[in-house]
Amino acid sequence: MANFSLPPKNVRFIIIGLAVMVAGYILMIGGGSSDPQVFNYDMFDFRRLVLSPLLVILGIVIIIVSIMKRPEDKTEDKE
């Protein structure tokens, strides 16, 4: 890991961000109807219109912040 550009803490946050995004996409699935002549109002519930897009956006923000965060420099000279 010495030659890796991101510290392990940032990599963990990237994995957490990906998991949050996957959870958002999983919450979006479903709501269809097996009969094309029947309209299903379950497509327009809170989970699919509000919660899942917020989770996807939150996951993207977590990933961007974890990539842009600078690691702490522990080799400072203390005088």
Protein backbone atom coordinates (compact mmCIF):
# COMPACT_ATOMS: atom_id res chain seq x y z
CA MET A 1 0.00 0.00 0.00
CA ALA A 2 3.02 2.31 0.14
CA ASN A 3 2.80 3.15 -3.57
CA PHE A 4 -0.99 3.53 -3.63
CA SER A 5 -2.15 7.10 -4.22
CA LEU A 6 -4.96 7.02 -1.63
CA PRO A 7 -4.60 6.11 2.03
CA PRO A 8 -6.62 3.14 3.32
CA LYS A 9 -9.03 5.44 5.19
CA ASN A 10 -10.03 7.16 1.93
CA VAL A 11 -10.43 3.81 0.17
CA ARG A 12 -12.85 2.72 2.93
CA PHE A 13 -14.89 5.87 2.36
CA ILE A 14 -14.97 5.18 -1.38
CA ILE A 15 -16.31 1.69 -0.70
CA ILE A 16 -18.92 3.14 1.68
CA GLY A 17 -19.95 5.65 -0.99
CA LEU A 18 -20.32 2.88 -3.55
CA ALA A 19 -22.45 0.87 -1.11
CA VAL A 20 -24.72 3.89 -0.52
CA MET A 21 -25.09 4.35 -4.28
CA VAL A 22 -25.93 0.68 -4.80
CA ALA A 23 -28.54 0.91 -2.02
CA GLY A 24 -30.10 3.87 -3.81
CA TYR A 25 -30.26 2.01 -7.11
CA ILE A 26 -31.75 -1.05 -5.41
CA LEU A 27 -34.48 1.11 -3.87
CA MET A 28 -35.36 2.40 -7.36
CA ILE A 29 -36.22 -0.98 -8.84
CA GLY A 30 -39.72 -2.37 -9.04
CA GLY A 31 -43.10 -0.72 -9.29
CA GLY A 32 -43.92 -2.05 -12.72
CA SER A 33 -47.05 -3.88 -13.73
CA SER A 34 -47.30 -7.27 -15.38
CA ASP A 35 -50.35 -6.10 -17.34
CA PRO A 36 -49.61 -3.12 -19.66
CA GLN A 37 -53.26 -2.05 -19.53
CA VAL A 38 -53.17 -1.50 -15.75
CA PHE A 39 -51.44 1.59 -14.36
CA ASN A 40 -49.55 1.03 -11.13
CA TYR A 41 -49.31 4.06 -8.80
CA ASP A 42 -46.53 2.39 -6.79
CA MET A 43 -44.07 3.93 -9.26
CA PHE A 44 -44.64 7.34 -7.70
CA ASP A 45 -44.06 6.67 -4.02
CA PHE A 46 -41.63 8.43 -1.67
CA ARG A 47 -39.03 5.68 -1.86
CA ARG A 48 -38.56 5.84 -5.64
CA LEU A 49 -38.95 9.59 -6.19
CA VAL A 50 -37.17 11.07 -3.17
CA LEU A 51 -35.21 8.59 -1.07
CA SER A 52 -33.37 6.64 -3.74
CA PRO A 53 -32.13 9.68 -5.75
CA LEU A 54 -30.95 11.28 -2.49
CA LEU A 55 -28.99 8.13 -1.63
CA VAL A 56 -27.36 8.05 -5.07
CA ILE A 57 -26.39 11.73 -4.81
CA LEU A 58 -25.12 11.21 -1.25
CA GLY A 59 -22.98 8.30 -2.44
CA ILE A 60 -21.50 10.45 -5.21
CA VAL A 61 -20.71 13.22 -2.71
CA ILE A 62 -19.05 10.73 -0.32
CA ILE A 63 -16.89 9.39 -3.14
CA ILE A 64 -15.86 12.87 -4.34
CA VAL A 65 -14.99 14.01 -0.81
CA SER A 66 -13.00 10.85 -0.11
CA ILE A 67 -11.00 11.28 -3.31
CA MET A 68 -10.32 14.98 -2.73
CA LYS A 69 -9.47 14.74 1.00
CA ARG A 70 -5.80 15.13 1.70
CA PRO A 71 -4.18 12.63 4.05
CA GLU A 72 -2.81 13.87 7.34
CA ASP A 73 0.93 14.43 7.23
CA LYS A 74 2.38 12.76 10.34
CA THR A 75 6.02 13.54 9.47
CA GLU A 76 5.94 17.19 10.53
CA ASP A 77 9.01 18.54 12.31
CA LYS A 78 8.03 19.72 15.78
CA GLU A 79 10.22 22.47 17.16
